Amino acid sequence: GNSTYYRDSVKGRFTISRDNAKNTLYLQMN
C-alpha cells in the first residue's frame, strides 16, 4: 500500500488503499 497509481481522470478524487490484515482493497471516490 505504499505506492499507488491512478488514471488521470480520477487523480485527486479517488484514493486506493488496502488493509492486508483484512484481505480487503478499497477505493474511496470523492
Full PDB file with SEQRES, HELIX, SHEET, SSBOND, CRYST1, ORIGX, SCALE, CONECT and MASTER records, all heavy atoms in Angstrom:
SEQRES   1 A   30  GLY ASN SER THR TYR TYR ARG ASP SER VAL LYS GLY ARG          
SEQRES   2 A   30  PHE THR ILE SER ARG ASP ASN ALA LYS ASN THR LEU TYR          
SEQRES   3 A   30  LEU GLN MET ASN                                              
HELIX    1 AA1 ASP A    8  VAL A   10  5                                   3    
SHEET    1 AA1 2 PHE A  14  ASP A  19  0                                        
SHEET    2 AA1 2 THR A  24  MET A  29 -1                                        
CRYST1    1.000    1.000    1.000  90.00  90.00  90.00 P 1           1          
ORIGX1      1.000000  0.000000  0.000000        0.00000                         
ORIGX2      0.000000  1.000000  0.000000        0.00000                         
ORIGX3      0.000000  0.000000  1.000000        0.00000                         
SCALE1      1.000000  0.000000  0.000000        0.00000                         
SCALE2      0.000000  1.000000  0.000000        0.00000                         
SCALE3      0.000000  0.000000  1.000000        0.00000                         
ATOM      1  N   GLY A   1       0.788  -1.216   0.000  1.00  0.00           N  
ATOM      2  CA  GLY A   1       0.000   0.000   0.000  1.00  0.00           C  
ATOM      3  C   GLY A   1       0.824   1.272   0.000  1.00  0.00           C  
ATOM      4  O   GLY A   1       0.282   2.361   0.212  1.00  0.00           O  
ATOM      5  N   ASN A   2       2.118   1.167  -0.262  1.00  0.00           N  
ATOM      6  CA  ASN A   2       2.990   2.331  -0.236  1.00  0.00           C  
ATOM      7  C   ASN A   2       3.018   3.107  -1.542  1.00  0.00           C  
ATOM      8  O   ASN A   2       3.325   4.297  -1.537  1.00  0.00           O  
ATOM      9  CB  ASN A   2       4.413   1.907   0.131  1.00  0.00           C  
ATOM     10  CG  ASN A   2       4.505   1.340   1.530  1.00  0.00           C  
ATOM     11  OD1 ASN A   2       3.987   1.932   2.481  1.00  0.00           O  
ATOM     12  ND2 ASN A   2       5.162   0.196   1.667  1.00  0.00           N  
ATOM     13  N   SER A   3       2.710   2.430  -2.643  1.00  0.00           N  
ATOM     14  CA  SER A   3       2.705   3.078  -3.945  1.00  0.00           C  
ATOM     15  C   SER A   3       1.339   2.917  -4.578  1.00  0.00           C  
ATOM     16  O   SER A   3       0.787   1.811  -4.607  1.00  0.00           O  
ATOM     17  CB  SER A   3       3.778   2.481  -4.858  1.00  0.00           C  
ATOM     18  OG  SER A   3       5.073   2.713  -4.337  1.00  0.00           O  
ATOM     19  N   THR A   4       0.814   4.011  -5.081  1.00  0.00           N  
ATOM     20  CA  THR A   4      -0.499   3.993  -5.718  1.00  0.00           C  
ATOM     21  C   THR A   4      -0.425   4.642  -7.086  1.00  0.00           C  
ATOM     22  O   THR A   4       0.436   5.492  -7.342  1.00  0.00           O  
ATOM     23  CB  THR A   4      -1.546   4.703  -4.854  1.00  0.00           C  
ATOM     24  OG1 THR A   4      -1.114   6.050  -4.603  1.00  0.00           O  
ATOM     25  CG2 THR A   4      -1.713   3.987  -3.520  1.00  0.00           C  
ATOM     26  N   TYR A   5      -1.366   4.274  -7.939  1.00  0.00           N  
ATOM     27  CA  TYR A   5      -1.368   4.706  -9.323  1.00  0.00           C  
ATOM     28  C   TYR A   5      -2.804   4.961  -9.745  1.00  0.00           C  
ATOM     29  O   TYR A   5      -3.710   4.222  -9.370  1.00  0.00           O  
ATOM     30  CB  TYR A   5      -0.745   3.629 -10.225  1.00  0.00           C  
ATOM     31  CG  TYR A   5       0.557   3.074  -9.686  1.00  0.00           C  
ATOM     32  CD1 TYR A   5       0.559   2.017  -8.791  1.00  0.00           C  
ATOM     33  CD2 TYR A   5       1.773   3.624 -10.061  1.00  0.00           C  
ATOM     34  CE1 TYR A   5       1.747   1.514  -8.281  1.00  0.00           C  
ATOM     35  CE2 TYR A   5       2.964   3.130  -9.563  1.00  0.00           C  
ATOM     36  CZ  TYR A   5       2.943   2.076  -8.677  1.00  0.00           C  
ATOM     37  OH  TYR A   5       4.127   1.585  -8.179  1.00  0.00           O  
ATOM     38  N   TYR A   6      -3.001   6.017 -10.555  1.00  0.00           N  
ATOM     39  CA  TYR A   6      -4.340   6.408 -10.954  1.00  0.00           C  
ATOM     40  C   TYR A   6      -4.367   6.850 -12.407  1.00  0.00           C  
ATOM     41  O   TYR A   6      -3.406   7.443 -12.913  1.00  0.00           O  
ATOM     42  CB  TYR A   6      -4.845   7.578 -10.113  1.00  0.00           C  
ATOM     43  CG  TYR A   6      -4.862   7.317  -8.636  1.00  0.00           C  
ATOM     44  CD1 TYR A   6      -3.761   7.639  -7.848  1.00  0.00           C  
ATOM     45  CD2 TYR A   6      -5.980   6.757  -8.025  1.00  0.00           C  
ATOM     46  CE1 TYR A   6      -3.770   7.399  -6.479  1.00  0.00           C  
ATOM     47  CE2 TYR A   6      -5.990   6.516  -6.658  1.00  0.00           C  
ATOM     48  CZ  TYR A   6      -4.884   6.841  -5.899  1.00  0.00           C  
ATOM     49  OH  TYR A   6      -4.896   6.605  -4.547  1.00  0.00           O  
ATOM     50  N   ARG A   7      -5.484   6.587 -13.072  1.00  0.00           N  
ATOM     51  CA  ARG A   7      -5.678   7.195 -14.367  1.00  0.00           C  
ATOM     52  C   ARG A   7      -5.912   8.680 -14.152  1.00  0.00           C  
ATOM     53  O   ARG A   7      -6.409   9.104 -13.104  1.00  0.00           O  
ATOM     54  CB  ARG A   7      -6.815   6.537 -15.138  1.00  0.00           C  
ATOM     55  CG  ARG A   7      -8.193   6.808 -14.602  1.00  0.00           C  
ATOM     56  CD  ARG A   7      -9.273   6.146 -15.483  1.00  0.00           C  
ATOM     57  NE  ARG A   7      -9.273   6.663 -16.837  1.00  0.00           N  
ATOM     58  CZ  ARG A   7      -8.910   5.981 -17.908  1.00  0.00           C  
ATOM     59  NH1 ARG A   7      -8.521   4.712 -17.804  1.00  0.00           N  
ATOM     60  NH2 ARG A   7      -8.944   6.554 -19.108  1.00  0.00           N  
ATOM     61  N   ASP A   8      -5.581   9.478 -15.153  1.00  0.00           N  
ATOM     62  CA  ASP A   8      -5.600  10.921 -14.994  1.00  0.00           C  
ATOM     63  C   ASP A   8      -6.963  11.467 -14.572  1.00  0.00           C  
ATOM     64  O   ASP A   8      -7.045  12.404 -13.772  1.00  0.00           O  
ATOM     65  CB  ASP A   8      -5.165  11.605 -16.293  1.00  0.00           C  
ATOM     66  CG  ASP A   8      -3.683  11.473 -16.569  1.00  0.00           C  
ATOM     67  OD1 ASP A   8      -2.934  11.124 -15.640  1.00  0.00           O  
ATOM     68  OD2 ASP A   8      -3.273  11.729 -17.708  1.00  0.00           O  
ATOM     69  N   SER A   9      -8.017  10.899 -15.091  1.00  0.00           N  
ATOM     70  CA  SER A   9      -9.343  11.451 -14.856  1.00  0.00           C  
ATOM     71  C   SER A   9      -9.828  11.315 -13.419  1.00  0.00           C  
ATOM     72  O   SER A   9     -10.794  11.976 -13.034  1.00  0.00           O  
ATOM     73  CB  SER A   9     -10.360  10.812 -15.803  1.00  0.00           C  
ATOM     74  OG  SER A   9     -10.474   9.425 -15.574  1.00  0.00           O  
ATOM     75  N   VAL A  10      -9.171  10.485 -12.617  1.00  0.00           N  
ATOM     76  CA  VAL A  10      -9.600  10.310 -11.232  1.00  0.00           C  
ATOM     77  C   VAL A  10      -8.576  10.819 -10.227  1.00  0.00           C  
ATOM     78  O   VAL A  10      -8.849  10.801  -9.018  1.00  0.00           O  
ATOM     79  CB  VAL A  10      -9.950   8.843 -10.915  1.00  0.00           C  
ATOM     80  CG1 VAL A  10     -10.942   8.299 -11.927  1.00  0.00           C  
ATOM     81  CG2 VAL A  10      -8.699   7.974 -10.858  1.00  0.00           C  
ATOM     82  N   LYS A  11      -7.442  11.289 -10.693  1.00  0.00           N  
ATOM     83  CA  LYS A  11      -6.421  11.797  -9.790  1.00  0.00           C  
ATOM     84  C   LYS A  11      -6.954  12.965  -8.969  1.00  0.00           C  
ATOM     85  O   LYS A  11      -7.592  13.866  -9.494  1.00  0.00           O  
ATOM     86  CB  LYS A  11      -5.176  12.238 -10.569  1.00  0.00           C  
ATOM     87  CG  LYS A  11      -4.360  11.088 -11.119  1.00  0.00           C  
ATOM     88  CD  LYS A  11      -3.148  11.589 -11.884  1.00  0.00           C  
ATOM     89  CE  LYS A  11      -2.322  10.432 -12.422  1.00  0.00           C  
ATOM     90  NZ  LYS A  11      -1.170  10.901 -13.223  1.00  0.00           N  
ATOM     91  N   GLY A  12      -6.682  12.921  -7.683  1.00  0.00           N  
ATOM     92  CA  GLY A  12      -7.151  13.959  -6.789  1.00  0.00           C  
ATOM     93  C   GLY A  12      -8.544  13.727  -6.261  1.00  0.00           C  
ATOM     94  O   GLY A  12      -8.973  14.418  -5.328  1.00  0.00           O  
ATOM     95  N   ARG A  13      -9.272  12.774  -6.835  1.00  0.00           N  
ATOM     96  CA  ARG A  13     -10.632  12.488  -6.400  1.00  0.00           C  
ATOM     97  C   ARG A  13     -10.761  11.093  -5.794  1.00  0.00           C  
ATOM     98  O   ARG A  13     -11.535  10.890  -4.863  1.00  0.00           O  
ATOM     99  CB  ARG A  13     -11.612  12.615  -7.567  1.00  0.00           C  
ATOM    100  CG  ARG A  13     -11.634  14.003  -8.183  1.00  0.00           C  
ATOM    101  CD  ARG A  13     -12.759  14.136  -9.209  1.00  0.00           C  
ATOM    102  NE  ARG A  13     -12.594  13.211 -10.324  1.00  0.00           N  
ATOM    103  CZ  ARG A  13     -13.462  12.251 -10.637  1.00  0.00           C  
ATOM    104  NH1 ARG A  13     -14.569  12.086  -9.917  1.00  0.00           N  
ATOM    105  NH2 ARG A  13     -13.240  11.468 -11.679  1.00  0.00           N  
ATOM    106  N   PHE A  14     -10.023  10.135  -6.342  1.00  0.00           N  
ATOM    107  CA  PHE A  14     -10.093   8.758  -5.874  1.00  0.00           C  
ATOM    108  C   PHE A  14      -8.841   8.414  -5.072  1.00  0.00           C  
ATOM    109  O   PHE A  14      -7.745   8.893  -5.372  1.00  0.00           O  
ATOM    110  CB  PHE A  14     -10.185   7.786  -7.048  1.00  0.00           C  
ATOM    111  CG  PHE A  14     -11.493   7.806  -7.795  1.00  0.00           C  
ATOM    112  CD1 PHE A  14     -12.434   8.798  -7.604  1.00  0.00           C  
ATOM    113  CD2 PHE A  14     -11.766   6.791  -8.703  1.00  0.00           C  
ATOM    114  CE1 PHE A  14     -13.626   8.803  -8.308  1.00  0.00           C  
ATOM    115  CE2 PHE A  14     -12.957   6.780  -9.407  1.00  0.00           C  
ATOM    116  CZ  PHE A  14     -13.884   7.787  -9.209  1.00  0.00           C  
ATOM    117  N   THR A  15      -9.011   7.558  -4.090  1.00  0.00           N  
ATOM    118  CA  THR A  15      -7.895   7.064  -3.300  1.00  0.00           C  
ATOM    119  C   THR A  15      -8.011   5.559  -3.150  1.00  0.00           C  
ATOM    120  O   THR A  15      -9.006   5.055  -2.624  1.00  0.00           O  
ATOM    121  CB  THR A  15      -7.858   7.710  -1.911  1.00  0.00           C  
ATOM    122  OG1 THR A  15      -7.780   9.136  -2.033  1.00  0.00           O  
ATOM    123  CG2 THR A  15      -6.644   7.213  -1.131  1.00  0.00           C  
ATOM    124  N   ILE A  16      -7.001   4.858  -3.615  1.00  0.00           N  
ATOM    125  CA  ILE A  16      -6.961   3.411  -3.459  1.00  0.00           C  
ATOM    126  C   ILE A  16      -6.164   3.080  -2.198  1.00  0.00           C  
ATOM    127  O   ILE A  16      -5.177   3.745  -1.880  1.00  0.00           O  
ATOM    128  CB  ILE A  16      -6.351   2.734  -4.703  1.00  0.00           C  
ATOM    129  CG1 ILE A  16      -6.519   1.210  -4.637  1.00  0.00           C  
ATOM    130  CG2 ILE A  16      -4.895   3.118  -4.888  1.00  0.00           C  
ATOM    131  CD1 ILE A  16      -6.126   0.504  -5.932  1.00  0.00           C  
ATOM    132  N   SER A  17      -6.602   2.081  -1.479  1.00  0.00           N  
ATOM    133  CA  SER A  17      -5.901   1.651  -0.279  1.00  0.00           C  
ATOM    134  C   SER A  17      -6.169   0.172  -0.064  1.00  0.00           C  
ATOM    135  O   SER A  17      -7.017  -0.431  -0.728  1.00  0.00           O  
ATOM    136  CB  SER A  17      -6.326   2.470   0.945  1.00  0.00           C  
ATOM    137  OG  SER A  17      -7.708   2.302   1.218  1.00  0.00           O  
ATOM    138  N   ARG A  18      -5.427  -0.397   0.860  1.00  0.00           N  
ATOM    139  CA  ARG A  18      -5.643  -1.806   1.168  1.00  0.00           C  
ATOM    140  C   ARG A  18      -5.363  -2.055   2.635  1.00  0.00           C  
ATOM    141  O   ARG A  18      -4.540  -1.377   3.259  1.00  0.00           O  
ATOM    142  CB  ARG A  18      -4.765  -2.711   0.293  1.00  0.00           C  
ATOM    143  CG  ARG A  18      -3.274  -2.560   0.529  1.00  0.00           C  
ATOM    144  CD  ARG A  18      -2.469  -3.241  -0.574  1.00  0.00           C  
ATOM    145  NE  ARG A  18      -2.648  -4.682  -0.579  1.00  0.00           N  
ATOM    146  CZ  ARG A  18      -2.313  -5.485  -1.593  1.00  0.00           C  
ATOM    147  NH1 ARG A  18      -1.790  -4.962  -2.700  1.00  0.00           N  
ATOM    148  NH2 ARG A  18      -2.508  -6.798  -1.503  1.00  0.00           N  
ATOM    149  N   ASP A  19      -6.039  -3.029   3.179  1.00  0.00           N  
ATOM    150  CA  ASP A  19      -5.820  -3.482   4.543  1.00  0.00           C  
ATOM    151  C   ASP A  19      -5.455  -4.955   4.440  1.00  0.00           C  
ATOM    152  O   ASP A  19      -6.324  -5.814   4.289  1.00  0.00           O  
ATOM    153  CB  ASP A  19      -7.061  -3.278   5.398  1.00  0.00           C  
ATOM    154  CG  ASP A  19      -6.828  -3.592   6.865  1.00  0.00           C  
ATOM    155  OD1 ASP A  19      -5.888  -4.349   7.176  1.00  0.00           O  
ATOM    156  OD2 ASP A  19      -7.584  -3.075   7.706  1.00  0.00           O  
ATOM    157  N   ASN A  20      -4.167  -5.234   4.499  1.00  0.00           N  
ATOM    158  CA  ASN A  20      -3.717  -6.601   4.300  1.00  0.00           C  
ATOM    159  C   ASN A  20      -4.150  -7.531   5.429  1.00  0.00           C  
ATOM    160  O   ASN A  20      -4.288  -8.731   5.220  1.00  0.00           O  
ATOM    161  CB  ASN A  20      -2.197  -6.632   4.137  1.00  0.00           C  
ATOM    162  CG  ASN A  20      -1.743  -6.060   2.806  1.00  0.00           C  
ATOM    163  OD1 ASN A  20      -2.492  -6.096   1.820  1.00  0.00           O  
ATOM    164  ND2 ASN A  20      -0.535  -5.537   2.768  1.00  0.00           N  
ATOM    165  N   ALA A  21      -4.347  -6.990   6.613  1.00  0.00           N  
ATOM    166  CA  ALA A  21      -4.825  -7.806   7.721  1.00  0.00           C  
ATOM    167  C   ALA A  21      -6.253  -8.278   7.505  1.00  0.00           C  
ATOM    168  O   ALA A  21      -6.664  -9.297   8.058  1.00  0.00           O  
ATOM    169  CB  ALA A  21      -4.722  -7.038   9.034  1.00  0.00           C  
ATOM    170  N   LYS A  22      -7.004  -7.536   6.704  1.00  0.00           N  
ATOM    171  CA  LYS A  22      -8.390  -7.887   6.420  1.00  0.00           C  
ATOM    172  C   LYS A  22      -8.591  -8.428   5.017  1.00  0.00           C  
ATOM    173  O   LYS A  22      -9.724  -8.696   4.615  1.00  0.00           O  
ATOM    174  CB  LYS A  22      -9.290  -6.669   6.616  1.00  0.00           C  
ATOM    175  CG  LYS A  22      -9.331  -6.143   8.038  1.00  0.00           C  
ATOM    176  CD  LYS A  22     -10.252  -4.941   8.145  1.00  0.00           C  
ATOM    177  CE  LYS A  22     -10.332  -4.438   9.570  1.00  0.00           C  
ATOM    178  NZ  LYS A  22     -11.220  -3.261   9.691  1.00  0.00           N  
ATOM    179  N   ASN A  23      -7.505  -8.577   4.276  1.00  0.00           N  
ATOM    180  CA  ASN A  23      -7.590  -9.034   2.883  1.00  0.00           C  
ATOM    181  C   ASN A  23      -8.595  -8.211   2.088  1.00  0.00           C  
ATOM    182  O   ASN A  23      -9.400  -8.750   1.318  1.00  0.00           O  
ATOM    183  CB  ASN A  23      -7.964 -10.513   2.824  1.00  0.00           C  
ATOM    184  CG  ASN A  23      -6.806 -11.431   3.154  1.00  0.00           C  
ATOM    185  OD1 ASN A  23      -5.740 -10.996   3.581  1.00  0.00           O  
ATOM    186  ND2 ASN A  23      -7.015 -12.726   2.954  1.00  0.00           N  
ATOM    187  N   THR A  24      -8.521  -6.907   2.256  1.00  0.00           N  
ATOM    188  CA  THR A  24      -9.513  -6.038   1.653  1.00  0.00           C  
ATOM    189  C   THR A  24      -8.863  -4.880   0.907  1.00  0.00           C  
ATOM    190  O   THR A  24      -7.933  -4.250   1.410  1.00  0.00           O  
ATOM    191  CB  THR A  24     -10.479  -5.489   2.708  1.00  0.00           C  
ATOM    192  OG1 THR A  24     -11.106  -6.583   3.383  1.00  0.00           O  
ATOM    193  CG2 THR A  24     -11.553  -4.637   2.060  1.00  0.00           C  
ATOM    194  N   LEU A  25      -9.369  -4.619  -0.271  1.00  0.00           N  
ATOM    195  CA  LEU A  25      -8.981  -3.494  -1.107  1.00  0.00           C  
ATOM    196  C   LEU A  25     -10.104  -2.467  -1.079  1.00  0.00           C  
ATOM    197  O   LEU A  25     -11.281  -2.833  -1.070  1.00  0.00           O  
ATOM    198  CB  LEU A  25      -8.752  -3.980  -2.538  1.00  0.00           C  
ATOM    199  CG  LEU A  25      -8.407  -2.936  -3.596  1.00  0.00           C  
ATOM    200  CD1 LEU A  25      -6.986  -2.434  -3.396  1.00  0.00           C  
ATOM    201  CD2 LEU A  25      -8.597  -3.527  -4.990  1.00  0.00           C  
ATOM    202  N   TYR A  26      -9.731  -1.194  -1.089  1.00  0.00           N  
ATOM    203  CA  TYR A  26     -10.717  -0.119  -1.041  1.00  0.00           C  
ATOM    204  C   TYR A  26     -10.498   0.867  -2.175  1.00  0.00           C  
ATOM    205  O   TYR A  26      -9.398   1.030  -2.688  1.00  0.00           O  
ATOM    206  CB  TYR A  26     -10.623   0.654   0.273  1.00  0.00           C  
ATOM    207  CG  TYR A  26     -10.804  -0.177   1.512  1.00  0.00           C  
ATOM    208  CD1 TYR A  26      -9.699  -0.640   2.222  1.00  0.00           C  
ATOM    209  CD2 TYR A  26     -12.069  -0.498   1.975  1.00  0.00           C  
ATOM    210  CE1 TYR A  26      -9.856  -1.401   3.367  1.00  0.00           C  
ATOM    211  CE2 TYR A  26     -12.239  -1.262   3.115  1.00  0.00           C  
ATOM    212  CZ  TYR A  26     -11.130  -1.710   3.809  1.00  0.00           C  
ATOM    213  OH  TYR A  26     -11.297  -2.465   4.942  1.00  0.00           O  
ATOM    214  N   LEU A  27     -11.571   1.551  -2.532  1.00  0.00           N  
ATOM    215  CA  LEU A  27     -11.483   2.691  -3.419  1.00  0.00           C  
ATOM    216  C   LEU A  27     -12.412   3.769  -2.887  1.00  0.00           C  
ATOM    217  O   LEU A  27     -13.632   3.639  -2.972  1.00  0.00           O  
ATOM    218  CB  LEU A  27     -11.867   2.324  -4.857  1.00  0.00           C  
ATOM    219  CG  LEU A  27     -11.666   3.435  -5.884  1.00  0.00           C  
ATOM    220  CD1 LEU A  27     -10.178   3.730  -6.064  1.00  0.00           C  
ATOM    221  CD2 LEU A  27     -12.300   3.066  -7.223  1.00  0.00           C  
ATOM    222  N   GLN A  28     -11.816   4.804  -2.319  1.00  0.00           N  
ATOM    223  CA  GLN A  28     -12.581   5.951  -1.866  1.00  0.00           C  
ATOM    224  C   GLN A  28     -12.761   6.891  -3.043  1.00  0.00           C  
ATOM    225  O   GLN A  28     -11.789   7.345  -3.637  1.00  0.00           O  
ATOM    226  CB  GLN A  28     -11.855   6.666  -0.726  1.00  0.00           C  
ATOM    227  CG  GLN A  28     -12.559   7.920  -0.220  1.00  0.00           C  
ATOM    228  CD  GLN A  28     -13.864   7.614   0.468  1.00  0.00           C  
ATOM    229  OE1 GLN A  28     -13.929   6.717   1.296  1.00  0.00           O  
ATOM    230  NE2 GLN A  28     -14.913   8.347   0.116  1.00  0.00           N  
ATOM    231  N   MET A  29     -13.997   7.195  -3.371  1.00  0.00           N  
ATOM    232  CA  MET A  29     -14.313   8.029  -4.515  1.00  0.00           C  
ATOM    233  C   MET A  29     -15.020   9.281  -4.033  1.00  0.00           C  
ATOM    234  O   MET A  29     -16.122   9.201  -3.482  1.00  0.00           O  
ATOM    235  CB  MET A  29     -15.186   7.270  -5.513  1.00  0.00           C  
ATOM    236  CG  MET A  29     -14.583   5.956  -5.976  1.00  0.00           C  
ATOM    237  SD  MET A  29     -15.584   5.139  -7.252  1.00  0.00           S  
ATOM    238  CE  MET A  29     -17.067   4.801  -6.307  1.00  0.00           C  
ATOM    239  N   ASN A  30     -14.386  10.414  -4.234  1.00  0.00           N  
ATOM    240  CA  ASN A  30     -14.949  11.702  -3.858  1.00  0.00           C  
ATOM    241  C   ASN A  30     -15.196  12.545  -5.095  1.00  0.00           C  
ATOM    242  O   ASN A  30     -14.660  12.279  -6.164  1.00  0.00           O  
ATOM    243  CB  ASN A  30     -14.005  12.445  -2.905  1.00  0.00           C  
ATOM    244  CG  ASN A  30     -13.766  11.721  -1.610  1.00  0.00           C  
ATOM    245  OD1 ASN A  30     -14.655  11.059  -1.083  1.00  0.00           O  
ATOM    246  ND2 ASN A  30     -12.557  11.852  -1.074  1.00  0.00           N  
TER     247      ASN A  30                                                      
MASTER        0    0    0    1    2    0    0    6  246    1    0    3          
END                                                                             
